[in-house]
């Protein structure tokens, strides 16, 4: 199948869903005290879908691949931050564990 718009890419849609879940997590009461942390986590998660979109719009396979690797790096950043958050907020462990599993899909 040939994709003509990044919005049709399954990986981009998964990245948007991940960002939506991250934004929902960061809006919860226990995280209100961690504004800078949450801001960085949100930006890193958004970077995944943005890099997929930018790479797609560049129009060449080499540039797309390059941006996919950048998106993969952003997924690593998100996963690392979720690992720390899991230690800082044990009450959110199950929700964070699920998000880490979702992020790992971008790195497999």
PDB file of N, CA and C in Angstrom:
ATOM      1  N   UNK A   1       0.839  -1.185   0.000  1.00  0.00           N
ATOM      2  CA  UNK A   1       0.000   0.000   0.000  1.00  0.00           C
ATOM      3  C   UNK A   1       0.882   1.245   0.000  1.00  0.00           C
ATOM      4  N   UNK A   2       0.565   2.190  -0.840  1.00  0.00           N
ATOM      5  CA  UNK A   2       1.308   3.441  -0.913  1.00  0.00           C
ATOM      6  C   UNK A   2       0.530   4.508  -0.143  1.00  0.00           C
ATOM      7  N   UNK A   3       1.223   5.144   0.771  1.00  0.00           N
ATOM      8  CA  UNK A   3       0.612   6.201   1.574  1.00  0.00           C
ATOM      9  C   UNK A   3       0.896   7.552   0.937  1.00  0.00           C
ATOM     10  N   UNK A   4      -0.107   8.398   0.896  1.00  0.00           N
ATOM     11  CA  UNK A   4       0.071   9.725   0.314  1.00  0.00           C
ATOM     12  C   UNK A   4       0.018  10.825   1.365  1.00  0.00           C
ATOM     13  N   UNK A   5      -0.407  10.477   2.573  1.00  0.00           N
ATOM     14  CA  UNK A   5      -0.489  11.443   3.673  1.00  0.00           C
ATOM     15  C   UNK A   5       0.022  10.786   4.951  1.00  0.00           C
ATOM     16  N   UNK A   6       0.770  11.522   5.745  1.00  0.00           N
ATOM     17  CA  UNK A   6       1.281  10.927   6.975  1.00  0.00           C
ATOM     18  C   UNK A   6       0.155  10.541   7.933  1.00  0.00           C
ATOM     19  N   UNK A   7      -0.980  11.231   7.827  1.00  0.00           N
ATOM     20  CA  UNK A   7      -2.114  10.916   8.702  1.00  0.00           C
ATOM     21  C   UNK A   7      -2.660   9.505   8.467  1.00  0.00           C
ATOM     22  N   UNK A   8      -2.314   8.920   7.345  1.00  0.00           N
ATOM     23  CA  UNK A   8      -2.759   7.558   7.035  1.00  0.00           C
ATOM     24  C   UNK A   8      -1.804   6.491   7.562  1.00  0.00           C
ATOM     25  N   UNK A   9      -0.614   6.901   7.978  1.00  0.00           N
ATOM     26  CA  UNK A   9       0.382   5.939   8.458  1.00  0.00           C
ATOM     27  C   UNK A   9      -0.039   5.351   9.804  1.00  0.00           C
ATOM     28  N   UNK A  10      -0.099   4.043   9.921  1.00  0.00           N
ATOM     29  CA  UNK A  10      -0.444   3.439  11.220  1.00  0.00           C
ATOM     30  C   UNK A  10       0.515   3.856  12.334  1.00  0.00           C
ATOM     31  N   UNK A  11       1.794   3.968  12.022  1.00  0.00           N
ATOM     32  CA  UNK A  11       2.766   4.338  13.054  1.00  0.00           C
ATOM     33  C   UNK A  11       2.543   5.775  13.541  1.00  0.00           C
ATOM     34  N   UNK A  12       2.159   6.671  12.650  1.00  0.00           N
ATOM     35  CA  UNK A  12       1.868   8.049  13.066  1.00  0.00           C
ATOM     36  C   UNK A  12       0.632   8.067  13.971  1.00  0.00           C
ATOM     37  N   UNK A  13      -0.397   7.307  13.597  1.00  0.00           N
ATOM     38  CA  UNK A  13      -1.616   7.246  14.412  1.00  0.00           C
ATOM     39  C   UNK A  13      -1.328   6.660  15.792  1.00  0.00           C
ATOM     40  N   UNK A  14      -0.472   5.656  15.852  1.00  0.00           N
ATOM     41  CA  UNK A  14      -0.081   5.094  17.150  1.00  0.00           C
ATOM     42  C   UNK A  14       0.661   6.127  17.992  1.00  0.00           C
ATOM     43  N   UNK A  15       1.500   6.921  17.337  1.00  0.00           N
ATOM     44  CA  UNK A  15       2.251   7.958  18.053  1.00  0.00           C
ATOM     45  C   UNK A  15       1.316   9.035  18.604  1.00  0.00           C
ATOM     46  N   UNK A  16       0.301   9.400  17.835  1.00  0.00           N
ATOM     47  CA  UNK A  16      -0.671  10.389  18.301  1.00  0.00           C
ATOM     48  C   UNK A  16      -1.449   9.831  19.496  1.00  0.00           C
ATOM     49  N   UNK A  17      -1.826   8.566  19.423  1.00  0.00           N
ATOM     50  CA  UNK A  17      -2.539   7.944  20.536  1.00  0.00           C
ATOM     51  C   UNK A  17      -1.663   7.907  21.784  1.00  0.00           C
ATOM     52  N   UNK A  18      -0.370   7.633  21.604  1.00  0.00           N
ATOM     53  CA  UNK A  18       0.550   7.644  22.737  1.00  0.00           C
ATOM     54  C   UNK A  18       0.620   9.034  23.358  1.00  0.00           C
ATOM     55  N   UNK A  19       0.766  10.060  22.529  1.00  0.00           N
ATOM     56  CA  UNK A  19       0.817  11.431  23.049  1.00  0.00           C
ATOM     57  C   UNK A  19      -0.464  11.783  23.796  1.00  0.00           C
ATOM     58  N   UNK A  20      -1.581  11.383  23.255  1.00  0.00           N
ATOM     59  CA  UNK A  20      -2.857  11.639  23.919  1.00  0.00           C
ATOM     60  C   UNK A  20      -2.867  10.979  25.303  1.00  0.00           C
ATOM     61  N   UNK A  21      -2.387   9.766  25.395  1.00  0.00           N
ATOM     62  CA  UNK A  21      -2.329   9.068  26.689  1.00  0.00           C
ATOM     63  C   UNK A  21      -1.368   9.744  27.651  1.00  0.00           C
ATOM     64  N   UNK A  22      -0.236  10.219  27.119  1.00  0.00           N
ATOM     65  CA  UNK A  22       0.733  10.929  27.961  1.00  0.00           C
ATOM     66  C   UNK A  22       0.107  12.216  28.495  1.00  0.00           C
ATOM     67  N   UNK A  23      -0.573  12.970  27.642  1.00  0.00           N
ATOM     68  CA  UNK A  23      -1.223  14.208  28.082  1.00  0.00           C
ATOM     69  C   UNK A  23      -2.295  13.919  29.131  1.00  0.00           C
ATOM     70  N   UNK A  24      -3.011  12.820  28.973  1.00  0.00           N
ATOM     71  CA  UNK A  24      -4.009  12.453  29.986  1.00  0.00           C
ATOM     72  C   UNK A  24      -3.335  12.129  31.308  1.00  0.00           C
ATOM     73  N   UNK A  25      -2.204  11.420  31.254  1.00  0.00           N
ATOM     74  CA  UNK A  25      -1.463  11.088  32.468  1.00  0.00           C
ATOM     75  C   UNK A  25      -0.957  12.343  33.157  1.00  0.00           C
ATOM     76  N   UNK A  26      -0.356  13.245  32.387  1.00  0.00           N
ATOM     77  CA  UNK A  26       0.251  14.435  32.994  1.00  0.00           C
ATOM     78  C   UNK A  26      -0.781  15.416  33.540  1.00  0.00           C
ATOM     79  N   UNK A  27      -2.034  15.246  33.176  1.00  0.00           N
ATOM     80  CA  UNK A  27      -3.073  16.139  33.695  1.00  0.00           C
ATOM     81  C   UNK A  27      -3.666  15.634  35.018  1.00  0.00           C
ATOM     82  N   UNK A  28      -3.182  14.492  35.501  1.00  0.00           N
ATOM     83  CA  UNK A  28      -3.709  13.953  36.758  1.00  0.00           C
ATOM     84  C   UNK A  28      -3.133  14.696  37.951  1.00  0.00           C
ATOM     85  N   UNK A  29      -3.896  14.698  39.019  1.00  0.00           N
ATOM     86  CA  UNK A  29      -3.528  15.444  40.231  1.00  0.00           C
ATOM     87  C   UNK A  29      -2.144  15.110  40.783  1.00  0.00           C
ATOM     88  N   UNK A  30      -1.730  13.831  40.849  1.00  0.00           N
ATOM     89  CA  UNK A  30      -0.407  13.576  41.442  1.00  0.00           C
ATOM     90  C   UNK A  30       0.745  14.240  40.695  1.00  0.00           C
ATOM     91  N   UNK A  31       0.532  14.569  39.440  1.00  0.00           N
ATOM     92  CA  UNK A  31       1.626  15.129  38.639  1.00  0.00           C
ATOM     93  C   UNK A  31       1.610  16.648  38.562  1.00  0.00           C
ATOM     94  N   UNK A  32       0.638  17.280  39.175  1.00  0.00           N
ATOM     95  CA  UNK A  32       0.563  18.746  39.157  1.00  0.00           C
ATOM     96  C   UNK A  32       1.807  19.404  39.728  1.00  0.00           C
ATOM     97  N   UNK A  33       2.466  18.739  40.647  1.00  0.00           N
ATOM     98  CA  UNK A  33       3.657  19.308  41.280  1.00  0.00           C
ATOM     99  C   UNK A  33       4.921  19.119  40.440  1.00  0.00           C
ATOM    100  N   UNK A  34       4.820  18.420  39.350  1.00  0.00           N
ATOM    101  CA  UNK A  34       5.976  18.114  38.507  1.00  0.00           C
ATOM    102  C   UNK A  34       5.838  18.771  37.127  1.00  0.00           C
ATOM    103  N   UNK A  35       5.607  20.067  37.129  1.00  0.00           N
ATOM    104  CA  UNK A  35       5.317  20.805  35.882  1.00  0.00           C
ATOM    105  C   UNK A  35       6.423  20.672  34.839  1.00  0.00           C
ATOM    106  N   UNK A  36       7.673  20.912  35.230  1.00  0.00           N
ATOM    107  CA  UNK A  36       8.785  20.842  34.266  1.00  0.00           C
ATOM    108  C   UNK A  36       8.959  19.437  33.719  1.00  0.00           C
ATOM    109  N   UNK A  37       8.849  18.465  34.590  1.00  0.00           N
ATOM    110  CA  UNK A  37       8.962  17.073  34.179  1.00  0.00           C
ATOM    111  C   UNK A  37       7.863  16.733  33.176  1.00  0.00           C
ATOM    112  N   UNK A  38       6.640  17.098  33.511  1.00  0.00           N
ATOM    113  CA  UNK A  38       5.498  16.803  32.642  1.00  0.00           C
ATOM    114  C   UNK A  38       5.618  17.512  31.304  1.00  0.00           C
ATOM    115  N   UNK A  39       6.101  18.746  31.322  1.00  0.00           N
ATOM    116  CA  UNK A  39       6.293  19.487  30.077  1.00  0.00           C
ATOM    117  C   UNK A  39       7.275  18.758  29.164  1.00  0.00           C
ATOM    118  N   UNK A  40       8.391  18.297  29.725  1.00  0.00           N
ATOM    119  CA  UNK A  40       9.389  17.581  28.928  1.00  0.00           C
ATOM    120  C   UNK A  40       8.828  16.254  28.419  1.00  0.00           C
ATOM    121  N   UNK A  41       8.090  15.546  29.258  1.00  0.00           N
ATOM    122  CA  UNK A  41       7.488  14.279  28.850  1.00  0.00           C
ATOM    123  C   UNK A  41       6.491  14.487  27.711  1.00  0.00           C
ATOM    124  N   UNK A  42       5.690  15.517  27.815  1.00  0.00           N
ATOM    125  CA  UNK A  42       4.729  15.830  26.748  1.00  0.00           C
ATOM    126  C   UNK A  42       5.444  16.177  25.446  1.00  0.00           C
ATOM    127  N   UNK A  43       6.481  17.017  25.549  1.00  0.00           N
ATOM    128  CA  UNK A  43       7.207  17.421  24.340  1.00  0.00           C
ATOM    129  C   UNK A  43       7.920  16.236  23.688  1.00  0.00           C
ATOM    130  N   UNK A  44       8.494  15.360  24.504  1.00  0.00           N
ATOM    131  CA  UNK A  44       9.181  14.186  23.955  1.00  0.00           C
ATOM    132  C   UNK A  44       8.189  13.253  23.262  1.00  0.00           C
ATOM    133  N   UNK A  45       7.018  13.075  23.864  1.00  0.00           N
ATOM    134  CA  UNK A  45       6.023  12.193  23.233  1.00  0.00           C
ATOM    135  C   UNK A  45       5.510  12.795  21.927  1.00  0.00           C
ATOM    136  N   UNK A  46       5.313  14.091  21.913  1.00  0.00           N
ATOM    137  CA  UNK A  46       4.856  14.763  20.695  1.00  0.00           C
ATOM    138  C   UNK A  46       5.921  14.716  19.602  1.00  0.00           C
ATOM    139  N   UNK A  47       7.166  14.699  20.004  1.00  0.00           N
ATOM    140  CA  UNK A  47       8.274  14.637  19.050  1.00  0.00           C
ATOM    141  C   UNK A  47       8.233  13.363  18.210  1.00  0.00           C
ATOM    142  N   UNK A  48       7.698  12.293  18.770  1.00  0.00           N
ATOM    143  CA  UNK A  48       7.628  11.032  18.018  1.00  0.00           C
ATOM    144  C   UNK A  48       6.774  11.219  16.769  1.00  0.00           C
ATOM    145  N   UNK A  49       5.538  11.659  16.949  1.00  0.00           N
ATOM    146  CA  UNK A  49       4.650  11.829  15.789  1.00  0.00           C
ATOM    147  C   UNK A  49       5.127  12.951  14.868  1.00  0.00           C
ATOM    148  N   UNK A  50       5.661  14.017  15.439  1.00  0.00           N
ATOM    149  CA  UNK A  50       6.140  15.131  14.614  1.00  0.00           C
ATOM    150  C   UNK A  50       7.295  14.710  13.704  1.00  0.00           C
ATOM    151  N   UNK A  51       8.198  13.900  14.218  1.00  0.00           N
ATOM    152  CA  UNK A  51       9.322  13.453  13.389  1.00  0.00           C
ATOM    153  C   UNK A  51       8.879  12.470  12.319  1.00  0.00           C
ATOM    154  N   UNK A  52       7.903  11.637  12.626  1.00  0.00           N
ATOM    155  CA  UNK A  52       7.351  10.744  11.602  1.00  0.00           C
ATOM    156  C   UNK A  52       6.730  11.587  10.491  1.00  0.00           C
ATOM    157  N   UNK A  53       5.944  12.581  10.867  1.00  0.00           N
ATOM    158  CA  UNK A  53       5.286  13.450   9.882  1.00  0.00           C
ATOM    159  C   UNK A  53       6.314  14.228   9.068  1.00  0.00           C
ATOM    160  N   UNK A  54       7.303  14.808   9.732  1.00  0.00           N
ATOM    161  CA  UNK A  54       8.292  15.603   9.010  1.00  0.00           C
ATOM    162  C   UNK A  54       9.090  14.743   8.042  1.00  0.00           C
ATOM    163  N   UNK A  55       9.498  13.567   8.485  1.00  0.00           N
ATOM    164  CA  UNK A  55      10.240  12.675   7.607  1.00  0.00           C
ATOM    165  C   UNK A  55       9.431  12.258   6.391  1.00  0.00           C
ATOM    166  N   UNK A  56       8.149  11.990   6.609  1.00  0.00           N
ATOM    167  CA  UNK A  56       7.270  11.610   5.505  1.00  0.00           C
ATOM    168  C   UNK A  56       7.147  12.749   4.500  1.00  0.00           C
ATOM    169  N   UNK A  57       6.983  13.954   4.998  1.00  0.00           N
ATOM    170  CA  UNK A  57       6.785  15.122   4.124  1.00  0.00           C
ATOM    171  C   UNK A  57       8.047  15.519   3.380  1.00  0.00           C
ATOM    172  N   UNK A  58       9.205  15.076   3.828  1.00  0.00           N
ATOM    173  CA  UNK A  58      10.450  15.398   3.124  1.00  0.00           C
ATOM    174  C   UNK A  58      10.482  14.765   1.744  1.00  0.00           C
ATOM    175  N   UNK A  59       9.803  13.639   1.584  1.00  0.00           N
ATOM    176  CA  UNK A  59       9.628  13.061   0.260  1.00  0.00           C
ATOM    177  C   UNK A  59      10.676  12.075  -0.206  1.00  0.00           C
ATOM    178  N   UNK A  60      11.737  11.867   0.558  1.00  0.00           N
ATOM    179  CA  UNK A  60      12.728  10.872   0.140  1.00  0.00           C
ATOM    180  C   UNK A  60      12.816   9.771   1.186  1.00  0.00           C
ATOM    181  N   UNK A  61      13.126   8.588   0.718  1.00  0.00           N
ATOM    182  CA  UNK A  61      13.235   7.448   1.631  1.00  0.00           C
ATOM    183  C   UNK A  61      14.341   7.666   2.660  1.00  0.00           C
ATOM    184  N   UNK A  62      15.472   8.192   2.228  1.00  0.00           N
ATOM    185  CA  UNK A  62      16.589   8.406   3.156  1.00  0.00           C
ATOM    186  C   UNK A  62      16.221   9.387   4.266  1.00  0.00           C
ATOM    187  N   UNK A  63      15.543  10.463   3.896  1.00  0.00           N
ATOM    188  CA  UNK A  63      15.150  11.429   4.923  1.00  0.00           C
ATOM    189  C   UNK A  63      14.081  10.845   5.836  1.00  0.00           C
ATOM    190  N   UNK A  64      13.147  10.095   5.277  1.00  0.00           N
ATOM    191  CA  UNK A  64      12.138   9.444   6.112  1.00  0.00           C
ATOM    192  C   UNK A  64      12.807   8.525   7.122  1.00  0.00           C
ATOM    193  N   UNK A  65      13.746   7.713   6.665  1.00  0.00           N
ATOM    194  CA  UNK A  65      14.443   6.807   7.574  1.00  0.00           C
ATOM    195  C   UNK A  65      15.188   7.565   8.662  1.00  0.00           C
ATOM    196  N   UNK A  66      15.818   8.648   8.292  1.00  0.00           N
ATOM    197  CA  UNK A  66      16.542   9.463   9.262  1.00  0.00           C
ATOM    198  C   UNK A  66      15.597   9.990  10.351  1.00  0.00           C
ATOM    199  N   UNK A  67      14.458  10.502   9.926  1.00  0.00           N
ATOM    200  CA  UNK A  67      13.497  11.036  10.893  1.00  0.00           C
ATOM    201  C   UNK A  67      12.840   9.931  11.711  1.00  0.00           C
ATOM    202  N   UNK A  68      12.704   8.744  11.137  1.00  0.00           N
ATOM    203  CA  UNK A  68      12.168   7.619  11.913  1.00  0.00           C
ATOM    204  C   UNK A  68      13.127   7.244  13.039  1.00  0.00           C
ATOM    205  N   UNK A  69      14.428   7.328  12.761  1.00  0.00           N
ATOM    206  CA  UNK A  69      15.404   7.060  13.820  1.00  0.00           C
ATOM    207  C   UNK A  69      15.352   8.140  14.900  1.00  0.00           C
ATOM    208  N   UNK A  70      15.118   9.367  14.503  1.00  0.00           N
ATOM    209  CA  UNK A  70      14.966  10.444  15.497  1.00  0.00           C
ATOM    210  C   UNK A  70      13.721  10.192  16.338  1.00  0.00           C
ATOM    211  N   UNK A  71      12.633   9.780  15.694  1.00  0.00           N
ATOM    212  CA  UNK A  71      11.403   9.458  16.424  1.00  0.00           C
ATOM    213  C   UNK A  71      11.658   8.309  17.397  1.00  0.00           C
ATOM    214  N   UNK A  72      12.429   7.339  16.971  1.00  0.00           N
ATOM    215  CA  UNK A  72      12.774   6.215  17.847  1.00  0.00           C
ATOM    216  C   UNK A  72      13.557   6.698  19.062  1.00  0.00           C
ATOM    217  N   UNK A  73      14.455   7.642  18.849  1.00  0.00           N
ATOM    218  CA  UNK A  73      15.203   8.227  19.968  1.00  0.00           C
ATOM    219  C   UNK A  73      14.290   8.953  20.936  1.00  0.00           C
ATOM    220  N   UNK A  74      13.317   9.667  20.410  1.00  0.00           N
ATOM    221  CA  UNK A  74      12.343  10.349  21.271  1.00  0.00           C
ATOM    222  C   UNK A  74      11.536   9.334  22.071  1.00  0.00           C
ATOM    223  N   UNK A  75      11.233   8.199  21.463  1.00  0.00           N
ATOM    224  CA  UNK A  75      10.524   7.136  22.187  1.00  0.00           C
ATOM    225  C   UNK A  75      11.377   6.630  23.350  1.00  0.00           C
ATOM    226  N   UNK A  76      12.679   6.542  23.136  1.00  0.00           N
ATOM    227  CA  UNK A  76      13.586   6.160  24.227  1.00  0.00           C
ATOM    228  C   UNK A  76      13.564   7.173  25.356  1.00  0.00           C
ATOM    229  N   UNK A  77      13.527   8.448  24.998  1.00  0.00           N
ATOM    230  CA  UNK A  77      13.454   9.503  26.014  1.00  0.00           C
ATOM    231  C   UNK A  77      12.164   9.370  26.818  1.00  0.00           C
ATOM    232  N   UNK A  78      11.057   9.138  26.140  1.00  0.00           N
ATOM    233  CA  UNK A  78       9.770   8.981  26.827  1.00  0.00           C
ATOM    234  C   UNK A  78       9.820   7.782  27.766  1.00  0.00           C
ATOM    235  N   UNK A  79      10.355   6.673  27.263  1.00  0.00           N
ATOM    236  CA  UNK A  79      10.424   5.472  28.099  1.00  0.00           C
ATOM    237  C   UNK A  79      11.300   5.687  29.324  1.00  0.00           C
ATOM    238  N   UNK A  80      12.414   6.368  29.157  1.00  0.00           N
ATOM    239  CA  UNK A  80      13.299   6.669  30.281  1.00  0.00           C
ATOM    240  C   UNK A  80      12.591   7.524  31.326  1.00  0.00           C
ATOM    241  N   UNK A  81      11.874   8.524  30.864  1.00  0.00           N
ATOM    242  CA  UNK A  81      11.152   9.401  31.789  1.00  0.00           C
ATOM    243  C   UNK A  81      10.034   8.643  32.505  1.00  0.00           C
ATOM    244  N   UNK A  82       9.391   7.728  31.795  1.00  0.00           N
ATOM    245  CA  UNK A  82       8.343   6.926  32.424  1.00  0.00           C
ATOM    246  C   UNK A  82       8.929   5.988  33.480  1.00  0.00           C
ATOM    247  N   UNK A  83      10.138   5.483  33.240  1.00  0.00           N
ATOM    248  CA  UNK A  83      10.810   4.642  34.242  1.00  0.00           C
ATOM    249  C   UNK A  83      11.043   5.421  35.533  1.00  0.00           C
ATOM    250  N   UNK A  84      11.497   6.651  35.398  1.00  0.00           N
ATOM    251  CA  UNK A  84      11.701   7.487  36.583  1.00  0.00           C
ATOM    252  C   UNK A  84      10.368   7.813  37.245  1.00  0.00           C
ATOM    253  N   UNK A  85       9.390   8.170  36.448  1.00  0.00           N
ATOM    254  CA  UNK A  85       8.086   8.527  36.994  1.00  0.00           C
ATOM    255  C   UNK A  85       7.459   7.358  37.743  1.00  0.00           C
ATOM    256  N   UNK A  86       7.688   6.171  37.255  1.00  0.00           N
ATOM    257  CA  UNK A  86       7.182   4.965  37.914  1.00  0.00           C
ATOM    258  C   UNK A  86       7.755   4.845  39.330  1.00  0.00           C
ATOM    259  N   UNK A  87       8.999   5.262  39.499  1.00  0.00           N
ATOM    260  CA  UNK A  87       9.637   5.239  40.829  1.00  0.00           C
ATOM    261  C   UNK A  87       9.166   6.390  41.706  1.00  0.00           C
ATOM    262  N   UNK A  88       8.921   7.540  41.083  1.00  0.00           N
ATOM    263  CA  UNK A  88       8.504   8.710  41.853  1.00  0.00           C
ATOM    264  C   UNK A  88       7.032   8.656  42.267  1.00  0.00           C
ATOM    265  N   UNK A  89       6.218   8.029  41.449  1.00  0.00           N
ATOM    266  CA  UNK A  89       4.769   7.984  41.693  1.00  0.00           C
ATOM    267  C   UNK A  89       4.273   6.534  41.646  1.00  0.00           C
ATOM    268  N   UNK A  90       4.574   5.755  42.685  1.00  0.00           N
ATOM    269  CA  UNK A  90       4.200   4.340  42.666  1.00  0.00           C
ATOM    270  C   UNK A  90       2.691   4.100  42.523  1.00  0.00           C
ATOM    271  N   UNK A  91       1.879   5.050  42.914  1.00  0.00           N
ATOM    272  CA  UNK A  91       0.426   4.892  42.789  1.00  0.00           C
ATOM    273  C   UNK A  91      -0.010   4.831  41.319  1.00  0.00           C
ATOM    274  N   UNK A  92       0.820   5.334  40.418  1.00  0.00           N
ATOM    275  CA  UNK A  92       0.490   5.349  38.986  1.00  0.00           C
ATOM    276  C   UNK A  92       1.169   4.209  38.222  1.00  0.00           C
ATOM    277  N   UNK A  93       1.763   3.265  38.954  1.00  0.00           N
ATOM    278  CA  UNK A  93       2.585   2.213  38.344  1.00  0.00           C
ATOM    279  C   UNK A  93       1.881   1.461  37.220  1.00  0.00           C
ATOM    280  N   UNK A  94       0.650   1.026  37.423  1.00  0.00           N
ATOM    281  CA  UNK A  94      -0.011   0.223  36.380  1.00  0.00           C
ATOM    282  C   UNK A  94      -0.235   1.043  35.111  1.00  0.00           C
ATOM    283  N   UNK A  95      -0.624   2.295  35.261  1.00  0.00           N
ATOM    284  CA  UNK A  95      -0.847   3.163  34.107  1.00  0.00           C
ATOM    285  C   UNK A  95       0.473   3.428  33.380  1.00  0.00           C
ATOM    286  N   UNK A  96       1.525   3.658  34.133  1.00  0.00           N
ATOM    287  CA  UNK A  96       2.837   3.939  33.540  1.00  0.00           C
ATOM    288  C   UNK A  96       3.398   2.698  32.862  1.00  0.00           C
ATOM    289  N   UNK A  97       3.214   1.539  33.471  1.00  0.00           N
ATOM    290  CA  UNK A  97       3.681   0.283  32.868  1.00  0.00           C
ATOM    291  C   UNK A  97       3.028   0.056  31.511  1.00  0.00           C
ATOM    292  N   UNK A  98       1.751   0.353  31.413  1.00  0.00           N
ATOM    293  CA  UNK A  98       1.040   0.223  30.135  1.00  0.00           C
ATOM    294  C   UNK A  98       1.600   1.190  29.095  1.00  0.00           C
ATOM    295  N   UNK A  99       1.883   2.419  29.513  1.00  0.00           N
ATOM    296  CA  UNK A  99       2.457   3.405  28.588  1.00  0.00           C
ATOM    297  C   UNK A  99       3.850   2.978  28.127  1.00  0.00           C
ATOM    298  N   UNK A 100       4.644   2.442  29.038  1.00  0.00           N
ATOM    299  CA  UNK A 100       5.980   1.970  28.653  1.00  0.00           C
ATOM    300  C   UNK A 100       5.882   0.864  27.610  1.00  0.00           C
ATOM    301  N   UNK A 101       4.910  -0.006  27.747  1.00  0.00           N
ATOM    302  CA  UNK A 101       4.693  -1.069  26.769  1.00  0.00           C
ATOM    303  C   UNK A 101       4.320  -0.460  25.407  1.00  0.00           C
ATOM    304  N   UNK A 102       3.470   0.568  25.434  1.00  0.00           N
ATOM    305  CA  UNK A 102       3.090   1.252  24.187  1.00  0.00           C
ATOM    306  C   UNK A 102       4.290   1.912  23.517  1.00  0.00           C
ATOM    307  N   UNK A 103       5.136   2.547  24.318  1.00  0.00           N
ATOM    308  CA  UNK A 103       6.318   3.235  23.771  1.00  0.00           C
ATOM    309  C   UNK A 103       7.285   2.230  23.167  1.00  0.00           C
ATOM    310  N   UNK A 104       7.427   1.095  23.797  1.00  0.00           N
ATOM    311  CA  UNK A 104       8.381   0.074  23.336  1.00  0.00           C
ATOM    312  C   UNK A 104       8.083  -0.367  21.905  1.00  0.00           C
ATOM    313  N   UNK A 105       6.821  -0.277  21.484  1.00  0.00           N
ATOM    314  CA  UNK A 105       6.460  -0.657  20.110  1.00  0.00           C
ATOM    315  C   UNK A 105       7.192   0.184  19.068  1.00  0.00           C
ATOM    316  N   UNK A 106       7.582   1.395  19.423  1.00  0.00           N
ATOM    317  CA  UNK A 106       8.290   2.269  18.482  1.00  0.00           C
ATOM    318  C   UNK A 106       9.767   1.902  18.392  1.00  0.00           C
ATOM    319  N   UNK A 107      10.208   1.041  19.273  1.00  0.00           N
ATOM    320  CA  UNK A 107      11.613   0.710  19.302  1.00  0.00           C
ATOM    321  C   UNK A 107      11.896  -0.728  18.887  1.00  0.00           C
ATOM    322  N   UNK A 108      10.866  -1.504  18.670  1.00  0.00           N
ATOM    323  CA  UNK A 108      11.054  -2.897  18.245  1.00  0.00           C
ATOM    324  C   UNK A 108      11.171  -3.008  16.744  1.00  0.00           C
TER     325      UNK A 108
END
